[in-house]
Amino acid sequence: PRTPEDSEDDGNGEEDQGLRISEEERINEEEEADELY
């Protein structure tokens, strides 16, 4: 089995970070929309 450290060395960790950031942005947008209405 591959460890998270190995995937980070291959650059997969960066991709996971991008996905995480996009998810956080989506959640923040939803929260802001709730506040507006």
PDB file of N, CA and C in Angstrom:
ATOM      1  N   PRO A   1       0.834  -1.214   0.000  1.00  0.00           N
ATOM      2  CA  PRO A   1       0.000   0.000   0.000  1.00  0.00           C
ATOM      3  C   PRO A   1       0.863   1.257   0.000  1.00  0.00           C
ATOM      4  N   ARG A   2       0.405   2.269  -0.706  1.00  0.00           N
ATOM      5  CA  ARG A   2       1.158   3.516  -0.788  1.00  0.00           C
ATOM      6  C   ARG A   2       0.774   4.415   0.376  1.00  0.00           C
ATOM      7  N   THR A   3       1.769   5.119   0.912  1.00  0.00           N
ATOM      8  CA  THR A   3       1.505   6.027   2.027  1.00  0.00           C
ATOM      9  C   THR A   3       1.215   7.419   1.480  1.00  0.00           C
ATOM     10  N   PRO A   4       0.514   8.246   2.226  1.00  0.00           N
ATOM     11  CA  PRO A   4       0.237   9.623   1.783  1.00  0.00           C
ATOM     12  C   PRO A   4       1.517  10.355   1.407  1.00  0.00           C
ATOM     13  N   GLU A   5       2.611  10.056   2.118  1.00  0.00           N
ATOM     14  CA  GLU A   5       3.881  10.728   1.823  1.00  0.00           C
ATOM     15  C   GLU A   5       4.335  10.389   0.404  1.00  0.00           C
ATOM     16  N   ASP A   6       4.181   9.116   0.001  1.00  0.00           N
ATOM     17  CA  ASP A   6       4.603   8.717  -1.345  1.00  0.00           C
ATOM     18  C   ASP A   6       3.786   9.467  -2.390  1.00  0.00           C
ATOM     19  N   SER A   7       2.479   9.562  -2.185  1.00  0.00           N
ATOM     20  CA  SER A   7       1.642  10.232  -3.176  1.00  0.00           C
ATOM     21  C   SER A   7       2.021  11.712  -3.261  1.00  0.00           C
ATOM     22  N   GLU A   8       2.394  12.305  -2.137  1.00  0.00           N
ATOM     23  CA  GLU A   8       2.788  13.720  -2.162  1.00  0.00           C
ATOM     24  C   GLU A   8       4.045  13.890  -3.006  1.00  0.00           C
ATOM     25  N   ASP A   9       4.987  12.951  -2.881  1.00  0.00           N
ATOM     26  CA  ASP A   9       6.219  13.038  -3.666  1.00  0.00           C
ATOM     27  C   ASP A   9       5.901  12.969  -5.158  1.00  0.00           C
ATOM     28  N   ASP A  10       4.866  12.212  -5.534  1.00  0.00           N
ATOM     29  CA  ASP A  10       4.508  12.074  -6.950  1.00  0.00           C
ATOM     30  C   ASP A  10       3.713  13.286  -7.435  1.00  0.00           C
ATOM     31  N   GLY A  11       3.322  14.181  -6.535  1.00  0.00           N
ATOM     32  CA  GLY A  11       2.560  15.349  -6.946  1.00  0.00           C
ATOM     33  C   GLY A  11       1.069  15.156  -6.729  1.00  0.00           C
ATOM     34  N   ASN A  12       0.647  13.946  -6.354  1.00  0.00           N
ATOM     35  CA  ASN A  12      -0.773  13.726  -6.116  1.00  0.00           C
ATOM     36  C   ASN A  12      -1.259  14.552  -4.930  1.00  0.00           C
ATOM     37  N   GLY A  13      -0.380  14.784  -3.965  1.00  0.00           N
ATOM     38  CA  GLY A  13      -0.762  15.573  -2.802  1.00  0.00           C
ATOM     39  C   GLY A  13      -1.210  16.962  -3.224  1.00  0.00           C
ATOM     40  N   GLU A  14      -0.549  17.522  -4.236  1.00  0.00           N
ATOM     41  CA  GLU A  14      -0.942  18.851  -4.693  1.00  0.00           C
ATOM     42  C   GLU A  14      -2.350  18.809  -5.270  1.00  0.00           C
ATOM     43  N   GLU A  15      -2.657  17.756  -6.026  1.00  0.00           N
ATOM     44  CA  GLU A  15      -3.993  17.651  -6.609  1.00  0.00           C
ATOM     45  C   GLU A  15      -5.038  17.551  -5.501  1.00  0.00           C
ATOM     46  N   ASP A  16      -4.750  16.744  -4.474  1.00  0.00           N
ATOM     47  CA  ASP A  16      -5.689  16.617  -3.364  1.00  0.00           C
ATOM     48  C   ASP A  16      -5.903  17.974  -2.703  1.00  0.00           C
ATOM     49  N   GLN A  17      -4.834  18.745  -2.548  1.00  0.00           N
ATOM     50  CA  GLN A  17      -4.963  20.065  -1.937  1.00  0.00           C
ATOM     51  C   GLN A  17      -5.898  20.929  -2.765  1.00  0.00           C
ATOM     52  N   GLY A  18      -5.745  20.908  -4.085  1.00  0.00           N
ATOM     53  CA  GLY A  18      -6.600  21.716  -4.953  1.00  0.00           C
ATOM     54  C   GLY A  18      -8.054  21.320  -4.787  1.00  0.00           C
ATOM     55  N   LEU A  19      -8.323  20.011  -4.734  1.00  0.00           N
ATOM     56  CA  LEU A  19      -9.699  19.566  -4.570  1.00  0.00           C
ATOM     57  C   LEU A  19     -10.236  20.048  -3.230  1.00  0.00           C
ATOM     58  N   ARG A  20      -9.403  19.948  -2.193  1.00  0.00           N
ATOM     59  CA  ARG A  20      -9.837  20.377  -0.868  1.00  0.00           C
ATOM     60  C   ARG A  20     -10.180  21.866  -0.889  1.00  0.00           C
ATOM     61  N   ILE A  21      -9.323  22.662  -1.513  1.00  0.00           N
ATOM     62  CA  ILE A  21      -9.551  24.111  -1.545  1.00  0.00           C
ATOM     63  C   ILE A  21     -10.854  24.413  -2.281  1.00  0.00           C
ATOM     64  N   SER A  22     -11.077  23.754  -3.423  1.00  0.00           N
ATOM     65  CA  SER A  22     -12.294  24.023  -4.193  1.00  0.00           C
ATOM     66  C   SER A  22     -13.517  23.653  -3.356  1.00  0.00           C
ATOM     67  N   GLU A  23     -13.439  22.573  -2.590  1.00  0.00           N
ATOM     68  CA  GLU A  23     -14.570  22.186  -1.743  1.00  0.00           C
ATOM     69  C   GLU A  23     -14.827  23.262  -0.697  1.00  0.00           C
ATOM     70  N   GLU A  24     -13.764  23.769  -0.070  1.00  0.00           N
ATOM     71  CA  GLU A  24     -13.933  24.805   0.949  1.00  0.00           C
ATOM     72  C   GLU A  24     -14.553  26.048   0.328  1.00  0.00           C
ATOM     73  N   GLU A  25     -14.091  26.428  -0.876  1.00  0.00           N
ATOM     74  CA  GLU A  25     -14.647  27.609  -1.533  1.00  0.00           C
ATOM     75  C   GLU A  25     -16.134  27.402  -1.803  1.00  0.00           C
ATOM     76  N   ARG A  26     -16.507  26.202  -2.254  1.00  0.00           N
ATOM     77  CA  ARG A  26     -17.913  25.930  -2.553  1.00  0.00           C
ATOM     78  C   ARG A  26     -18.740  26.077  -1.279  1.00  0.00           C
ATOM     79  N   ILE A  27     -18.237  25.548  -0.159  1.00  0.00           N
ATOM     80  CA  ILE A  27     -18.962  25.635   1.111  1.00  0.00           C
ATOM     81  C   ILE A  27     -19.097  27.098   1.522  1.00  0.00           C
ATOM     82  N   ASN A  28     -18.014  27.861   1.390  1.00  0.00           N
ATOM     83  CA  ASN A  28     -18.065  29.273   1.767  1.00  0.00           C
ATOM     84  C   ASN A  28     -19.089  30.011   0.923  1.00  0.00           C
ATOM     85  N   GLU A  29     -19.151  29.721  -0.365  1.00  0.00           N
ATOM     86  CA  GLU A  29     -20.116  30.389  -1.238  1.00  0.00           C
ATOM     87  C   GLU A  29     -21.534  30.064  -0.786  1.00  0.00           C
ATOM     88  N   GLU A  30     -21.785  28.810  -0.427  1.00  0.00           N
ATOM     89  CA  GLU A  30     -23.119  28.429   0.027  1.00  0.00           C
ATOM     90  C   GLU A  30     -23.476  29.192   1.299  1.00  0.00           C
ATOM     91  N   GLU A  31     -22.526  29.306   2.227  1.00  0.00           N
ATOM     92  CA  GLU A  31     -22.790  30.020   3.472  1.00  0.00           C
ATOM     93  C   GLU A  31     -23.098  31.485   3.180  1.00  0.00           C
ATOM     94  N   GLU A  32     -22.335  32.094   2.272  1.00  0.00           N
ATOM     95  CA  GLU A  32     -22.566  33.498   1.942  1.00  0.00           C
ATOM     96  C   GLU A  32     -23.949  33.673   1.320  1.00  0.00           C
ATOM     97  N   ALA A  33     -24.351  32.747   0.455  1.00  0.00           N
ATOM     98  CA  ALA A  33     -25.658  32.839  -0.192  1.00  0.00           C
ATOM     99  C   ALA A  33     -26.752  32.780   0.875  1.00  0.00           C
ATOM    100  N   ASP A  34     -26.587  31.911   1.859  1.00  0.00           N
ATOM    101  CA  ASP A  34     -27.590  31.815   2.919  1.00  0.00           C
ATOM    102  C   ASP A  34     -27.684  33.139   3.669  1.00  0.00           C
ATOM    103  N   GLU A  35     -26.557  33.806   3.862  1.00  0.00           N
ATOM    104  CA  GLU A  35     -26.574  35.063   4.604  1.00  0.00           C
ATOM    105  C   GLU A  35     -27.285  36.155   3.801  1.00  0.00           C
ATOM    106  N   LEU A  36     -27.127  36.132   2.479  1.00  0.00           N
ATOM    107  CA  LEU A  36     -27.717  37.195   1.651  1.00  0.00           C
ATOM    108  C   LEU A  36     -29.240  37.128   1.701  1.00  0.00           C
ATOM    109  N   TYR A  37     -29.787  35.904   1.697  1.00  0.00           N
ATOM    110  CA  TYR A  37     -31.246  35.813   1.609  1.00  0.00           C
ATOM    111  C   TYR A  37     -31.866  35.678   2.977  1.00  0.00           C
TER     112      TYR A  37
END
